[in-house]
Amino acid sequence: MRINRNVNLLVLVLSASLTAVVYGQQNQANSLAYAADEANVPDAIAKVKSGKFVHVELIAKAGAVEAVPVLKEQVVRTQDPIVKAKIANALVRLGTC
């Protein structure tokens, strides 16, 4: 009986792990599709304005110079050096520096 219980536990753990991997891949694919569509630029700018910096690269790739004031404001506000670097990189690519 103990072996069956261990096998059941192992199957449960493996199932949960596989579910997490599949969900993560699906979530990443959705994010990549979002970033590839320049129609999402206004939404990406709104997210940056609210303090969510996930799509700064999309803004830079799209050449969305209308986001420059928002990016400049957020680069001053954020304390995270990695986020500051991403925003600064986008500002340079947008031709503001």
Protein backbone atom coordinates (compact mmCIF):
# COMPACT_ATOMS: atom_id res chain seq x y z
CA MET A 1 0.00 0.00 0.00
CA ARG A 2 2.81 2.44 0.80
CA ILE A 3 4.31 2.03 -2.69
CA ASN A 4 0.95 2.83 -4.30
CA ARG A 5 0.63 5.97 -2.18
CA ASN A 6 4.15 7.11 -3.21
CA VAL A 7 3.39 6.42 -6.86
CA ASN A 8 0.14 8.38 -6.61
CA LEU A 9 1.98 11.28 -5.00
CA LEU A 10 4.64 11.19 -7.72
CA VAL A 11 1.99 11.20 -10.45
CA LEU A 12 0.24 14.13 -8.78
CA VAL A 13 3.47 16.14 -8.53
CA LEU A 14 4.43 15.41 -12.14
CA SER A 15 0.95 16.38 -13.36
CA ALA A 16 1.09 19.67 -11.49
CA SER A 17 4.57 20.40 -12.88
CA LEU A 18 3.50 19.64 -16.43
CA THR A 19 0.45 21.89 -16.06
CA ALA A 20 2.66 24.75 -14.84
CA VAL A 21 5.05 24.32 -17.78
CA VAL A 22 2.26 24.28 -20.35
CA TYR A 23 0.61 27.34 -18.77
CA GLY A 24 3.95 29.19 -18.73
CA GLN A 25 4.59 28.44 -22.40
CA GLN A 26 1.09 29.52 -23.37
CA ASN A 27 1.43 32.72 -21.36
CA GLN A 28 4.79 33.48 -23.03
CA ALA A 29 3.32 32.85 -26.49
CA ASN A 30 0.48 35.28 -25.74
CA SER A 31 2.99 37.89 -24.58
CA LEU A 32 5.08 37.46 -27.73
CA ALA A 33 2.01 37.80 -29.94
CA TYR A 34 1.01 40.96 -28.04
CA ALA A 35 4.49 42.47 -28.47
CA ALA A 36 4.55 41.69 -32.19
CA ASP A 37 1.35 43.62 -32.89
CA GLU A 38 1.96 47.37 -33.14
CA ALA A 39 -1.77 47.94 -32.69
CA ASN A 40 -1.08 47.30 -29.00
CA VAL A 41 1.18 50.36 -28.67
CA PRO A 42 -1.50 52.62 -27.12
CA ASP A 43 -2.23 49.94 -24.52
CA ALA A 44 1.51 49.49 -23.86
CA ILE A 45 1.87 53.24 -23.29
CA ALA A 46 -1.08 53.20 -20.88
CA LYS A 47 0.56 50.34 -18.97
CA VAL A 48 3.85 52.24 -18.70
CA LYS A 49 1.91 55.28 -17.49
CA SER A 50 0.41 53.15 -14.72
CA GLY A 51 3.82 51.81 -13.69
CA LYS A 52 3.86 48.47 -15.55
CA PHE A 53 7.00 48.29 -17.67
CA VAL A 54 6.50 44.98 -19.46
CA HIS A 55 6.12 46.40 -22.97
CA VAL A 56 8.74 49.16 -23.10
CA GLU A 57 10.46 47.24 -25.91
CA LEU A 58 7.27 47.28 -27.99
CA ILE A 59 7.09 51.06 -27.63
CA ALA A 60 10.72 51.46 -28.74
CA LYS A 61 10.41 49.04 -31.68
CA ALA A 62 7.28 50.79 -32.89
CA GLY A 63 9.02 54.17 -32.75
CA ALA A 64 6.19 55.51 -30.61
CA VAL A 65 7.60 58.97 -29.90
CA GLU A 66 4.28 59.92 -28.33
CA ALA A 67 5.38 57.80 -25.35
CA VAL A 68 8.49 59.93 -24.67
CA PRO A 69 6.90 62.16 -21.98
CA VAL A 70 5.51 59.11 -20.17
CA LEU A 71 8.84 57.28 -20.39
CA LYS A 72 10.75 60.31 -19.11
CA GLU A 73 8.38 60.62 -16.17
CA GLN A 74 8.65 56.95 -15.30
CA VAL A 75 12.44 56.75 -15.59
CA VAL A 76 12.62 59.35 -12.83
CA ARG A 77 10.04 57.60 -10.64
CA THR A 78 11.26 54.02 -10.75
CA GLN A 79 13.84 52.83 -8.26
CA ASP A 80 14.67 49.57 -10.09
CA PRO A 81 17.97 49.98 -11.96
CA ILE A 82 17.04 47.33 -14.54
CA VAL A 83 13.77 49.07 -15.34
CA LYS A 84 15.59 52.42 -15.50
CA ALA A 85 18.02 50.91 -18.01
CA LYS A 86 15.17 49.51 -20.16
CA ILE A 87 13.39 52.85 -20.20
CA ALA A 88 16.61 54.77 -20.90
CA ASN A 89 17.38 52.39 -23.76
CA ALA A 90 13.92 53.00 -25.22
CA LEU A 91 14.36 56.76 -24.92
CA VAL A 92 17.70 56.62 -26.75
CA ARG A 93 16.19 54.47 -29.49
CA LEU A 94 13.33 56.92 -29.81
CA GLY A 95 15.90 59.64 -30.50
CA THR A 96 15.39 61.77 -27.40
CA CYS A 97 18.87 61.54 -25.92
